[in-house]
C-alpha cells in the first residue's frame, strides 16, 4: 500500500525537479517539496500513488498491487488525476492554486504547483478553537467564492471543499486547493455519480452517491466550512441531519457574536434540500456581502429540481 515510506527519497530527480522532502500523503497521492533545477524556485509536486492499489518497487517506479481489477482501478484513477491537472492549468485565478506543469513518469502521473508558504484553514481553526472573527471570515470566503464562481462557469465542480483544502497565505489571503474530486457537469439536470465524501462538509446528495450534484453541492460545503470557523468543529454530517435535525440554526445560536447577513448566508448554504440553497457560488457571495437576501421558502409542491 502507498505509504510515506513509498516516498521518493530526497535528491531524486524527476523531469527538471529535485525532491527536497515529503510534506504530505493521502489515500491517493504523495506530496513533495521540490526545487526547479532551472529556476531554483521551490515547487510542490503531487504524485499519483493510490494507497489501496499501488506501491513503489525497485527504485522510483510505481507498481500496481493485485490483479486486473486493481490495474483497471489504477489506470482509471491516473486518468482522472491527469484530468485534474489539465483542469487546474486552465483556472487562472489569484485564489486557485497555480499549476506549473504536469507529466507522466515512473509509471504514474505528477502535478507541479506553486509553493505557497502558510497553513491550511483546518489547522488554523484547530489552533484557535473556533470563534474566528467576522473580519477573518470576510477576508477568506469572498475570494474563495469568487474562485469557485470561475470553476462553476467552466462547468466544473470541486466537490471536496473543507477547511483542510483552503490554504492561508501569510496575511490570510486564501487559496483553494486539491481538485482531486473535480467533476464536469452538464448545465441543467444534476449529475448522478459516486463522489468523495467528507462527513460534516459534504451534502446529502454526495453521501447518497445517486443524488443530483451541481454547484449547489459546493455551496453546501462552503457553508459548512464557514460554520466550522464559527463553531470550531465540523458540523454534524448531512446523513445525521437528514435522520434527525441536530444542528441549531447559526442565525439563532451565534446572533450575539456575528452579523445577521453572515449567519443567514451560512444557514441558507446548508439547507438540506438542494433546491432551497443558493444555486451557485455567485448567489452565496451576494448573500454573504449583503447584496441580496435569502428568498422566502417556496410552497411545498411536486416538481423537479436539483435535489
C-alpha atoms as a PDB file:
ATOM      1  CA  UNK A   1       0.000   0.000   0.000  1.00  0.00           C
ATOM      2  CA  UNK A   2       1.079   3.569  -0.644  1.00  0.00           C
ATOM      3  CA  UNK A   3       2.671   4.959   2.496  1.00  0.00           C
ATOM      4  CA  UNK A   4       5.166   7.739   3.251  1.00  0.00           C
ATOM      5  CA  UNK A   5       7.806   5.008   3.186  1.00  0.00           C
ATOM      6  CA  UNK A   6       6.991   4.745  -0.544  1.00  0.00           C
ATOM      7  CA  UNK A   7       8.040   8.379  -0.958  1.00  0.00           C
ATOM      8  CA  UNK A   8      10.716   9.342  -3.424  1.00  0.00           C
ATOM      9  CA  UNK A   9      13.912   9.979  -1.433  1.00  0.00           C
ATOM     10  CA  UNK A  10      15.438  13.439  -1.139  1.00  0.00           C
ATOM     11  CA  UNK A  11      17.674  14.193  -4.106  1.00  0.00           C
ATOM     12  CA  UNK A  12      15.595  12.217  -6.614  1.00  0.00           C
ATOM     13  CA  UNK A  13      15.286  13.989  -9.962  1.00  0.00           C
ATOM     14  CA  UNK A  14      12.003  13.764 -11.864  1.00  0.00           C
ATOM     15  CA  UNK A  15      11.719  15.792 -15.045  1.00  0.00           C
ATOM     16  CA  UNK A  16      13.539  19.018 -14.071  1.00  0.00           C
ATOM     17  CA  UNK A  17      12.693  18.889 -10.361  1.00  0.00           C
ATOM     18  CA  UNK A  18      14.778  17.750  -7.397  1.00  0.00           C
ATOM     19  CA  UNK A  19      12.859  16.293  -4.463  1.00  0.00           C
ATOM     20  CA  UNK A  20      13.634  18.018  -1.144  1.00  0.00           C
ATOM     21  CA  UNK A  21      11.264  16.146   1.182  1.00  0.00           C
ATOM     22  CA  UNK A  22       7.808  14.602   1.541  1.00  0.00           C
ATOM     23  CA  UNK A  23       5.353  17.072   3.065  1.00  0.00           C
ATOM     24  CA  UNK A  24       2.071  15.174   2.881  1.00  0.00           C
ATOM     25  CA  UNK A  25       0.261  11.987   1.985  1.00  0.00           C
ATOM     26  CA  UNK A  26      -3.303  10.881   1.412  1.00  0.00           C
ATOM     27  CA  UNK A  27      -5.321   7.996   0.118  1.00  0.00           C
ATOM     28  CA  UNK A  28      -4.412   8.691  -3.493  1.00  0.00           C
ATOM     29  CA  UNK A  29      -1.229  10.730  -3.558  1.00  0.00           C
ATOM     30  CA  UNK A  30       2.061  11.788  -2.023  1.00  0.00           C
ATOM     31  CA  UNK A  31       3.041  15.450  -1.810  1.00  0.00           C
ATOM     32  CA  UNK A  32       6.629  16.684  -2.095  1.00  0.00           C
ATOM     33  CA  UNK A  33       8.501  19.917  -1.654  1.00  0.00           C
ATOM     34  CA  UNK A  34      10.934  20.176  -4.551  1.00  0.00           C
ATOM     35  CA  UNK A  35      13.176  22.602  -6.406  1.00  0.00           C
ATOM     36  CA  UNK A  36      13.031  23.531 -10.065  1.00  0.00           C
ATOM     37  CA  UNK A  37      16.582  22.890 -11.251  1.00  0.00           C
ATOM     38  CA  UNK A  38      16.320  25.544 -13.961  1.00  0.00           C
ATOM     39  CA  UNK A  39      14.929  28.443 -11.914  1.00  0.00           C
ATOM     40  CA  UNK A  40      15.908  27.319  -8.379  1.00  0.00           C
ATOM     41  CA  UNK A  41      12.360  28.092  -7.274  1.00  0.00           C
ATOM     42  CA  UNK A  42      10.597  25.844  -4.790  1.00  0.00           C
ATOM     43  CA  UNK A  43       7.541  23.966  -6.012  1.00  0.00           C
ATOM     44  CA  UNK A  44       5.054  21.430  -4.693  1.00  0.00           C
ATOM     45  CA  UNK A  45       4.708  18.136  -6.563  1.00  0.00           C
ATOM     46  CA  UNK A  46       1.728  15.829  -6.215  1.00  0.00           C
ATOM     47  CA  UNK A  47       2.373  12.207  -7.219  1.00  0.00           C
ATOM     48  CA  UNK A  48      -0.461   9.810  -8.008  1.00  0.00           C
ATOM     49  CA  UNK A  49       0.075   6.803  -5.735  1.00  0.00           C
ATOM     50  CA  UNK A  50      -3.221   5.275  -4.526  1.00  0.00           C
ATOM     51  CA  UNK A  51      -2.838   3.569  -1.185  1.00  0.00           C
ATOM     52  CA  UNK A  52      -5.039   0.573  -1.987  1.00  0.00           C
ATOM     53  CA  UNK A  53      -3.677  -0.386  -5.385  1.00  0.00           C
ATOM     54  CA  UNK A  54      -0.048   0.699  -5.759  1.00  0.00           C
ATOM     55  CA  UNK A  55       3.363   0.890  -4.118  1.00  0.00           C
ATOM     56  CA  UNK A  56       6.886   1.799  -5.146  1.00  0.00           C
ATOM     57  CA  UNK A  57       9.043  -1.098  -6.264  1.00  0.00           C
ATOM     58  CA  UNK A  58      12.678  -1.275  -7.341  1.00  0.00           C
ATOM     59  CA  UNK A  59      13.692   2.353  -7.109  1.00  0.00           C
ATOM     60  CA  UNK A  60      11.385   5.080  -8.344  1.00  0.00           C
ATOM     61  CA  UNK A  61       8.815   3.202 -10.430  1.00  0.00           C
ATOM     62  CA  UNK A  62       5.268   2.616  -9.205  1.00  0.00           C
ATOM     63  CA  UNK A  63       3.809  -0.878  -9.403  1.00  0.00           C
ATOM     64  CA  UNK A  64       0.169  -1.925  -9.161  1.00  0.00           C
ATOM     65  CA  UNK A  65      -0.579  -4.410  -6.384  1.00  0.00           C
ATOM     66  CA  UNK A  66      -3.217  -7.018  -7.171  1.00  0.00           C
ATOM     67  CA  UNK A  67      -4.937  -8.307 -10.266  1.00  0.00           C
ATOM     68  CA  UNK A  68      -6.902  -6.993 -13.215  1.00  0.00           C
ATOM     69  CA  UNK A  69      -9.411  -5.043 -11.121  1.00  0.00           C
ATOM     70  CA  UNK A  70      -6.648  -3.204  -9.270  1.00  0.00           C
ATOM     71  CA  UNK A  71      -4.882  -2.496 -12.553  1.00  0.00           C
ATOM     72  CA  UNK A  72      -8.064  -1.076 -14.084  1.00  0.00           C
ATOM     73  CA  UNK A  73      -8.737   0.999 -10.957  1.00  0.00           C
ATOM     74  CA  UNK A  74      -5.200   2.383 -11.057  1.00  0.00           C
ATOM     75  CA  UNK A  75      -5.412   3.282 -14.736  1.00  0.00           C
ATOM     76  CA  UNK A  76      -8.792   4.955 -14.281  1.00  0.00           C
ATOM     77  CA  UNK A  77      -7.548   6.902 -11.266  1.00  0.00           C
ATOM     78  CA  UNK A  78      -4.431   8.029 -13.102  1.00  0.00           C
ATOM     79  CA  UNK A  79      -6.598   9.281 -15.961  1.00  0.00           C
ATOM     80  CA  UNK A  80      -8.710  11.309 -13.525  1.00  0.00           C
ATOM     81  CA  UNK A  81      -5.567  12.644 -11.822  1.00  0.00           C
ATOM     82  CA  UNK A  82      -4.220  13.819 -15.175  1.00  0.00           C
ATOM     83  CA  UNK A  83      -7.573  15.394 -15.954  1.00  0.00           C
ATOM     84  CA  UNK A  84      -7.338  17.283 -12.649  1.00  0.00           C
ATOM     85  CA  UNK A  85      -4.001  18.681 -13.787  1.00  0.00           C
ATOM     86  CA  UNK A  86      -5.400  19.808 -17.137  1.00  0.00           C
ATOM     87  CA  UNK A  87      -8.423  21.368 -15.453  1.00  0.00           C
ATOM     88  CA  UNK A  88      -6.339  23.267 -12.941  1.00  0.00           C
ATOM     89  CA  UNK A  89      -3.993  24.506 -15.640  1.00  0.00           C
ATOM     90  CA  UNK A  90      -6.906  26.411 -17.216  1.00  0.00           C
ATOM     91  CA  UNK A  91      -8.002  28.035 -13.934  1.00  0.00           C
ATOM     92  CA  UNK A  92      -6.157  31.331 -13.870  1.00  0.00           C
ATOM     93  CA  UNK A  93      -7.370  32.947 -10.648  1.00  0.00           C
ATOM     94  CA  UNK A  94      -5.418  34.507  -7.753  1.00  0.00           C
ATOM     95  CA  UNK A  95      -7.229  32.250  -5.263  1.00  0.00           C
ATOM     96  CA  UNK A  96      -6.824  28.955  -7.124  1.00  0.00           C
ATOM     97  CA  UNK A  97      -3.530  27.097  -6.779  1.00  0.00           C
ATOM     98  CA  UNK A  98      -1.444  27.606  -9.948  1.00  0.00           C
ATOM     99  CA  UNK A  99      -0.315  24.592 -11.941  1.00  0.00           C
ATOM    100  CA  UNK A 100       3.152  24.946 -13.477  1.00  0.00           C
ATOM    101  CA  UNK A 101       3.469  21.576 -15.143  1.00  0.00           C
ATOM    102  CA  UNK A 102       2.078  18.052 -15.343  1.00  0.00           C
ATOM    103  CA  UNK A 103       3.654  14.946 -16.806  1.00  0.00           C
ATOM    104  CA  UNK A 104       3.878  11.145 -16.760  1.00  0.00           C
ATOM    105  CA  UNK A 105       6.924   9.385 -15.285  1.00  0.00           C
ATOM    106  CA  UNK A 106       7.777   6.324 -13.172  1.00  0.00           C
ATOM    107  CA  UNK A 107       4.598   4.635 -14.481  1.00  0.00           C
ATOM    108  CA  UNK A 108       2.432   7.243 -12.753  1.00  0.00           C
ATOM    109  CA  UNK A 109       1.448  10.918 -13.042  1.00  0.00           C
ATOM    110  CA  UNK A 110       2.712  14.156 -11.492  1.00  0.00           C
ATOM    111  CA  UNK A 111       1.233  17.602 -10.939  1.00  0.00           C
ATOM    112  CA  UNK A 112       3.585  20.542 -10.233  1.00  0.00           C
ATOM    113  CA  UNK A 113       2.196  23.580  -8.405  1.00  0.00           C
ATOM    114  CA  UNK A 114       3.483  26.827  -6.972  1.00  0.00           C
ATOM    115  CA  UNK A 115       4.879  26.564  -3.462  1.00  0.00           C
ATOM    116  CA  UNK A 116       2.915  28.847  -1.154  1.00  0.00           C
ATOM    117  CA  UNK A 117       4.022  29.424   2.458  1.00  0.00           C
ATOM    118  CA  UNK A 118       1.312  29.447   5.095  1.00  0.00           C
ATOM    119  CA  UNK A 119      -1.044  26.951   6.747  1.00  0.00           C
ATOM    120  CA  UNK A 120      -4.364  25.341   5.957  1.00  0.00           C
ATOM    121  CA  UNK A 121      -7.612  26.629   7.402  1.00  0.00           C
ATOM    122  CA  UNK A 122      -8.245  23.359   9.232  1.00  0.00           C
ATOM    123  CA  UNK A 123      -5.048  23.751  11.247  1.00  0.00           C
ATOM    124  CA  UNK A 124      -5.891  27.384  11.977  1.00  0.00           C
ATOM    125  CA  UNK A 125      -9.384  26.508  13.240  1.00  0.00           C
ATOM    126  CA  UNK A 126      -7.918  23.798  15.469  1.00  0.00           C
ATOM    127  CA  UNK A 127      -5.276  26.186  16.786  1.00  0.00           C
ATOM    128  CA  UNK A 128      -7.801  28.927  17.551  1.00  0.00           C
ATOM    129  CA  UNK A 129     -10.644  26.660  18.684  1.00  0.00           C
ATOM    130  CA  UNK A 130     -13.232  28.371  16.502  1.00  0.00           C
ATOM    131  CA  UNK A 131     -14.798  31.734  17.151  1.00  0.00           C
ATOM    132  CA  UNK A 132     -12.902  33.236  14.221  1.00  0.00           C
ATOM    133  CA  UNK A 133     -13.697  36.887  13.685  1.00  0.00           C
ATOM    134  CA  UNK A 134     -16.149  38.295  11.177  1.00  0.00           C
ATOM    135  CA  UNK A 135     -13.251  40.180   9.636  1.00  0.00           C
ATOM    136  CA  UNK A 136     -11.301  36.947   9.157  1.00  0.00           C
ATOM    137  CA  UNK A 137     -14.271  35.129   7.622  1.00  0.00           C
ATOM    138  CA  UNK A 138     -14.949  38.037   5.279  1.00  0.00           C
ATOM    139  CA  UNK A 139     -11.280  38.087   4.275  1.00  0.00           C
ATOM    140  CA  UNK A 140     -11.242  34.383   3.397  1.00  0.00           C
ATOM    141  CA  UNK A 141     -14.590  33.441   1.901  1.00  0.00           C
ATOM    142  CA  UNK A 142     -15.472  36.138  -0.672  1.00  0.00           C
ATOM    143  CA  UNK A 143     -12.237  35.417  -2.623  1.00  0.00           C
ATOM    144  CA  UNK A 144     -12.845  31.661  -2.363  1.00  0.00           C
ATOM    145  CA  UNK A 145     -16.409  32.112  -3.625  1.00  0.00           C
ATOM    146  CA  UNK A 146     -15.133  34.259  -6.480  1.00  0.00           C
ATOM    147  CA  UNK A 147     -12.697  31.472  -7.405  1.00  0.00           C
ATOM    148  CA  UNK A 148     -15.481  28.914  -7.136  1.00  0.00           C
ATOM    149  CA  UNK A 149     -17.636  31.038  -9.450  1.00  0.00           C
ATOM    150  CA  UNK A 150     -14.914  30.711 -12.081  1.00  0.00           C
ATOM    151  CA  UNK A 151     -14.800  26.943 -11.576  1.00  0.00           C
ATOM    152  CA  UNK A 152     -18.574  26.670 -11.918  1.00  0.00           C
ATOM    153  CA  UNK A 153     -18.539  28.877 -15.037  1.00  0.00           C
ATOM    154  CA  UNK A 154     -16.298  26.229 -16.642  1.00  0.00           C
ATOM    155  CA  UNK A 155     -18.933  23.570 -15.852  1.00  0.00           C
ATOM    156  CA  UNK A 156     -16.684  22.085 -13.168  1.00  0.00           C
ATOM    157  CA  UNK A 157     -17.407  21.157  -9.550  1.00  0.00           C
ATOM    158  CA  UNK A 158     -14.815  20.966  -6.774  1.00  0.00           C
ATOM    159  CA  UNK A 159     -16.738  18.507  -4.532  1.00  0.00           C
ATOM    160  CA  UNK A 160     -14.169  18.362  -1.734  1.00  0.00           C
ATOM    161  CA  UNK A 161     -14.287  21.806  -0.134  1.00  0.00           C
ATOM    162  CA  UNK A 162     -13.387  21.691   3.552  1.00  0.00           C
ATOM    163  CA  UNK A 163     -11.041  23.571   5.898  1.00  0.00           C
ATOM    164  CA  UNK A 164      -8.106  21.310   5.018  1.00  0.00           C
ATOM    165  CA  UNK A 165      -8.406  22.293   1.349  1.00  0.00           C
ATOM    166  CA  UNK A 166      -8.257  26.045   1.929  1.00  0.00           C
ATOM    167  CA  UNK A 167      -4.706  27.340   2.306  1.00  0.00           C
ATOM    168  CA  UNK A 168      -3.997  30.596   4.136  1.00  0.00           C
ATOM    169  CA  UNK A 169      -1.089  32.581   2.804  1.00  0.00           C
ATOM    170  CA  UNK A 170       0.704  34.934   5.209  1.00  0.00           C
ATOM    171  CA  UNK A 171      -1.747  37.757   5.829  1.00  0.00           C
ATOM    172  CA  UNK A 172      -4.770  35.491   5.383  1.00  0.00           C
ATOM    173  CA  UNK A 173      -5.176  35.642   1.587  1.00  0.00           C
ATOM    174  CA  UNK A 174      -6.767  32.251   0.783  1.00  0.00           C
ATOM    175  CA  UNK A 175      -6.048  29.643  -1.852  1.00  0.00           C
ATOM    176  CA  UNK A 176      -8.381  26.830  -2.908  1.00  0.00           C
ATOM    177  CA  UNK A 177      -6.522  23.505  -3.089  1.00  0.00           C
ATOM    178  CA  UNK A 178      -6.941  19.851  -4.006  1.00  0.00           C
ATOM    179  CA  UNK A 179      -9.079  19.373  -7.058  1.00  0.00           C
ATOM    180  CA  UNK A 180      -8.724  15.604  -6.882  1.00  0.00           C
ATOM    181  CA  UNK A 181     -12.507  15.157  -6.751  1.00  0.00           C
ATOM    182  CA  UNK A 182     -13.229  17.677  -9.529  1.00  0.00           C
ATOM    183  CA  UNK A 183     -16.077  16.680 -11.830  1.00  0.00           C
ATOM    184  CA  UNK A 184     -17.507  18.023 -15.054  1.00  0.00           C
ATOM    185  CA  UNK A 185     -21.231  18.584 -15.009  1.00  0.00           C
ATOM    186  CA  UNK A 186     -23.782  19.416 -17.681  1.00  0.00           C
ATOM    187  CA  UNK A 187     -25.841  22.524 -17.054  1.00  0.00           C
ATOM    188  CA  UNK A 188     -29.432  21.624 -16.381  1.00  0.00           C
ATOM    189  CA  UNK A 189     -30.131  18.291 -14.671  1.00  0.00           C
ATOM    190  CA  UNK A 190     -27.683  17.369 -11.930  1.00  0.00           C
ATOM    191  CA  UNK A 191     -25.177  14.611 -12.461  1.00  0.00           C
ATOM    192  CA  UNK A 192     -25.623  11.252 -10.780  1.00  0.00           C
ATOM    193  CA  UNK A 193     -22.301   9.744  -9.797  1.00  0.00           C
ATOM    194  CA  UNK A 194     -20.296   8.461  -6.835  1.00  0.00           C
ATOM    195  CA  UNK A 195     -18.254  11.108  -5.059  1.00  0.00           C
ATOM    196  CA  UNK A 196     -15.590  11.791  -2.494  1.00  0.00           C
ATOM    197  CA  UNK A 197     -17.346  12.337   0.838  1.00  0.00           C
ATOM    198  CA  UNK A 198     -16.165  14.211   3.937  1.00  0.00           C
ATOM    199  CA  UNK A 199     -18.517  13.923   6.917  1.00  0.00           C
ATOM    200  CA  UNK A 200     -19.718  17.325   8.062  1.00  0.00           C
ATOM    201  CA  UNK A 201     -18.846  19.100   4.827  1.00  0.00           C
ATOM    202  CA  UNK A 202     -20.390  17.004   2.028  1.00  0.00           C
ATOM    203  CA  UNK A 203     -24.113  17.492   1.321  1.00  0.00           C
ATOM    204  CA  UNK A 204     -26.577  14.633   1.391  1.00  0.00           C
ATOM    205  CA  UNK A 205     -26.578  14.241  -2.391  1.00  0.00           C
ATOM    206  CA  UNK A 206     -22.877  13.325  -2.254  1.00  0.00           C
ATOM    207  CA  UNK A 207     -23.372  10.844   0.588  1.00  0.00           C
ATOM    208  CA  UNK A 208     -26.082   9.103  -1.394  1.00  0.00           C
ATOM    209  CA  UNK A 209     -23.930   8.733  -4.486  1.00  0.00           C
ATOM    210  CA  UNK A 210     -27.052   8.621  -6.630  1.00  0.00           C
ATOM    211  CA  UNK A 211     -28.053  12.155  -5.667  1.00  0.00           C
ATOM    212  CA  UNK A 212     -28.091  15.036  -8.138  1.00  0.00           C
ATOM    213  CA  UNK A 213     -24.963  17.106  -7.718  1.00  0.00           C
ATOM    214  CA  UNK A 214     -24.249  20.582  -9.026  1.00  0.00           C
ATOM    215  CA  UNK A 215     -22.857  23.968  -7.958  1.00  0.00           C
ATOM    216  CA  UNK A 216     -25.310  23.842  -5.033  1.00  0.00           C
ATOM    217  CA  UNK A 217     -23.273  20.905  -3.686  1.00  0.00           C
ATOM    218  CA  UNK A 218     -20.127  23.043  -3.413  1.00  0.00           C
ATOM    219  CA  UNK A 219     -22.266  25.799  -1.858  1.00  0.00           C
ATOM    220  CA  UNK A 220     -23.228  23.452   0.994  1.00  0.00           C
ATOM    221  CA  UNK A 221     -19.561  22.660   1.651  1.00  0.00           C
ATOM    222  CA  UNK A 222     -18.678  26.371   1.769  1.00  0.00           C
ATOM    223  CA  UNK A 223     -21.474  26.968   4.274  1.00  0.00           C
ATOM    224  CA  UNK A 224     -20.257  24.065   6.406  1.00  0.00           C
ATOM    225  CA  UNK A 225     -16.687  25.388   6.289  1.00  0.00           C
ATOM    226  CA  UNK A 226     -17.834  28.847   7.391  1.00  0.00           C
ATOM    227  CA  UNK A 227     -19.781  27.257  10.238  1.00  0.00           C
ATOM    228  CA  UNK A 228     -16.654  25.353  11.302  1.00  0.00           C
ATOM    229  CA  UNK A 229     -14.824  28.694  11.502  1.00  0.00           C
ATOM    230  CA  UNK A 230     -17.531  29.962  13.838  1.00  0.00           C
ATOM    231  CA  UNK A 231     -18.057  26.850  15.954  1.00  0.00           C
ATOM    232  CA  UNK A 232     -14.549  25.377  15.955  1.00  0.00           C
ATOM    233  CA  UNK A 233     -15.580  21.896  14.830  1.00  0.00           C
ATOM    234  CA  UNK A 234     -17.146  20.196  11.805  1.00  0.00           C
ATOM    235  CA  UNK A 235     -20.933  20.419  11.604  1.00  0.00           C
ATOM    236  CA  UNK A 236     -22.947  17.208  12.011  1.00  0.00           C
ATOM    237  CA  UNK A 237     -22.866  15.060   8.899  1.00  0.00           C
ATOM    238  CA  UNK A 238     -25.650  15.554   6.384  1.00  0.00           C
ATOM    239  CA  UNK A 239     -26.703  11.938   6.975  1.00  0.00           C
ATOM    240  CA  UNK A 240     -27.245  12.615  10.689  1.00  0.00           C
ATOM    241  CA  UNK A 241     -29.044  15.857   9.916  1.00  0.00           C
ATOM    242  CA  UNK A 242     -31.313  14.005   7.500  1.00  0.00           C
ATOM    243  CA  UNK A 243     -32.136  11.318  10.069  1.00  0.00           C
ATOM    244  CA  UNK A 244     -32.761  13.803  12.880  1.00  0.00           C
ATOM    245  CA  UNK A 245     -32.159  17.549  12.867  1.00  0.00           C
ATOM    246  CA  UNK A 246     -29.348  18.031  15.384  1.00  0.00           C
ATOM    247  CA  UNK A 247     -27.944  21.387  14.306  1.00  0.00           C
ATOM    248  CA  UNK A 248     -29.473  24.648  15.536  1.00  0.00           C
ATOM    249  CA  UNK A 249     -29.579  27.495  13.056  1.00  0.00           C
ATOM    250  CA  UNK A 250     -26.483  29.679  13.088  1.00  0.00           C
ATOM    251  CA  UNK A 251     -28.704  32.784  12.950  1.00  0.00           C
ATOM    252  CA  UNK A 252     -30.113  31.961  16.390  1.00  0.00           C
ATOM    253  CA  UNK A 253     -27.174  30.251  18.064  1.00  0.00           C
ATOM    254  CA  UNK A 254     -24.481  32.813  17.233  1.00  0.00           C
ATOM    255  CA  UNK A 255     -26.520  36.007  16.854  1.00  0.00           C
ATOM    256  CA  UNK A 256     -24.714  37.767  19.700  1.00  0.00           C
ATOM    257  CA  UNK A 257     -21.321  37.422  18.008  1.00  0.00           C
ATOM    258  CA  UNK A 258     -21.835  37.676  14.251  1.00  0.00           C
ATOM    259  CA  UNK A 259     -23.821  39.887  11.856  1.00  0.00           C
ATOM    260  CA  UNK A 260     -27.156  38.548  10.561  1.00  0.00           C
ATOM    261  CA  UNK A 261     -26.040  38.609   6.913  1.00  0.00           C
ATOM    262  CA  UNK A 262     -23.166  36.209   7.657  1.00  0.00           C
ATOM    263  CA  UNK A 263     -25.226  33.800   9.754  1.00  0.00           C
ATOM    264  CA  UNK A 264     -28.151  33.801   7.336  1.00  0.00           C
ATOM    265  CA  UNK A 265     -25.763  33.041   4.467  1.00  0.00           C
ATOM    266  CA  UNK A 266     -24.386  30.054   6.413  1.00  0.00           C
ATOM    267  CA  UNK A 267     -27.866  28.705   7.146  1.00  0.00           C
ATOM    268  CA  UNK A 268     -29.026  29.227   3.562  1.00  0.00           C
ATOM    269  CA  UNK A 269     -25.987  27.450   2.149  1.00  0.00           C
ATOM    270  CA  UNK A 270     -26.523  24.484   4.484  1.00  0.00           C
ATOM    271  CA  UNK A 271     -30.142  23.793   3.601  1.00  0.00           C
ATOM    272  CA  UNK A 272     -30.652  20.044   3.329  1.00  0.00           C
ATOM    273  CA  UNK A 273     -32.824  20.383   0.216  1.00  0.00           C
ATOM    274  CA  UNK A 274     -30.531  21.464  -2.643  1.00  0.00           C
ATOM    275  CA  UNK A 275     -33.403  23.402  -4.233  1.00  0.00           C
ATOM    276  CA  UNK A 276     -33.537  25.725  -1.225  1.00  0.00           C
ATOM    277  CA  UNK A 277     -29.824  26.640  -1.272  1.00  0.00           C
ATOM    278  CA  UNK A 278     -28.116  29.338  -3.321  1.00  0.00           C
ATOM    279  CA  UNK A 279     -27.789  27.628  -6.671  1.00  0.00           C
ATOM    280  CA  UNK A 280     -24.217  28.726  -7.304  1.00  0.00           C
ATOM    281  CA  UNK A 281     -21.234  30.388  -5.666  1.00  0.00           C
ATOM    282  CA  UNK A 282     -22.154  33.790  -7.072  1.00  0.00           C
ATOM    283  CA  UNK A 283     -25.530  33.766  -5.313  1.00  0.00           C
ATOM    284  CA  UNK A 284     -23.915  32.856  -1.994  1.00  0.00           C
ATOM    285  CA  UNK A 285     -21.282  35.562  -2.452  1.00  0.00           C
ATOM    286  CA  UNK A 286     -24.031  38.160  -2.935  1.00  0.00           C
ATOM    287  CA  UNK A 287     -25.790  36.973   0.222  1.00  0.00           C
ATOM    288  CA  UNK A 288     -22.577  36.967   2.243  1.00  0.00           C
ATOM    289  CA  UNK A 289     -21.706  40.503   1.181  1.00  0.00           C
ATOM    290  CA  UNK A 290     -25.229  41.836   1.754  1.00  0.00           C
ATOM    291  CA  UNK A 291     -26.077  42.322  -1.932  1.00  0.00           C
ATOM    292  CA  UNK A 292     -29.115  40.059  -1.722  1.00  0.00           C
ATOM    293  CA  UNK A 293     -31.176  38.311   0.919  1.00  0.00           C
ATOM    294  CA  UNK A 294     -32.498  34.806   1.181  1.00  0.00           C
ATOM    295  CA  UNK A 295     -35.773  34.406  -0.721  1.00  0.00           C
ATOM    296  CA  UNK A 296     -38.835  33.096   1.123  1.00  0.00           C
ATOM    297  CA  UNK A 297     -39.230  29.328   1.070  1.00  0.00           C
ATOM    298  CA  UNK A 298     -41.483  28.174  -1.782  1.00  0.00           C
ATOM    299  CA  UNK A 299     -44.772  26.443  -1.071  1.00  0.00           C
ATOM    300  CA  UNK A 300     -44.182  22.680  -0.961  1.00  0.00           C
ATOM    301  CA  UNK A 301     -45.395  21.112  -4.184  1.00  0.00           C
ATOM    302  CA  UNK A 302     -44.278  18.331  -6.507  1.00  0.00           C
ATOM    303  CA  UNK A 303     -41.699  19.229  -9.052  1.00  0.00           C
ATOM    304  CA  UNK A 304     -38.262  18.522 -10.349  1.00  0.00           C
ATOM    305  CA  UNK A 305     -35.188  20.264  -9.035  1.00  0.00           C
ATOM    306  CA  UNK A 306     -31.557  19.663  -8.345  1.00  0.00           C
ATOM    307  CA  UNK A 307     -32.265  17.617  -5.224  1.00  0.00           C
END
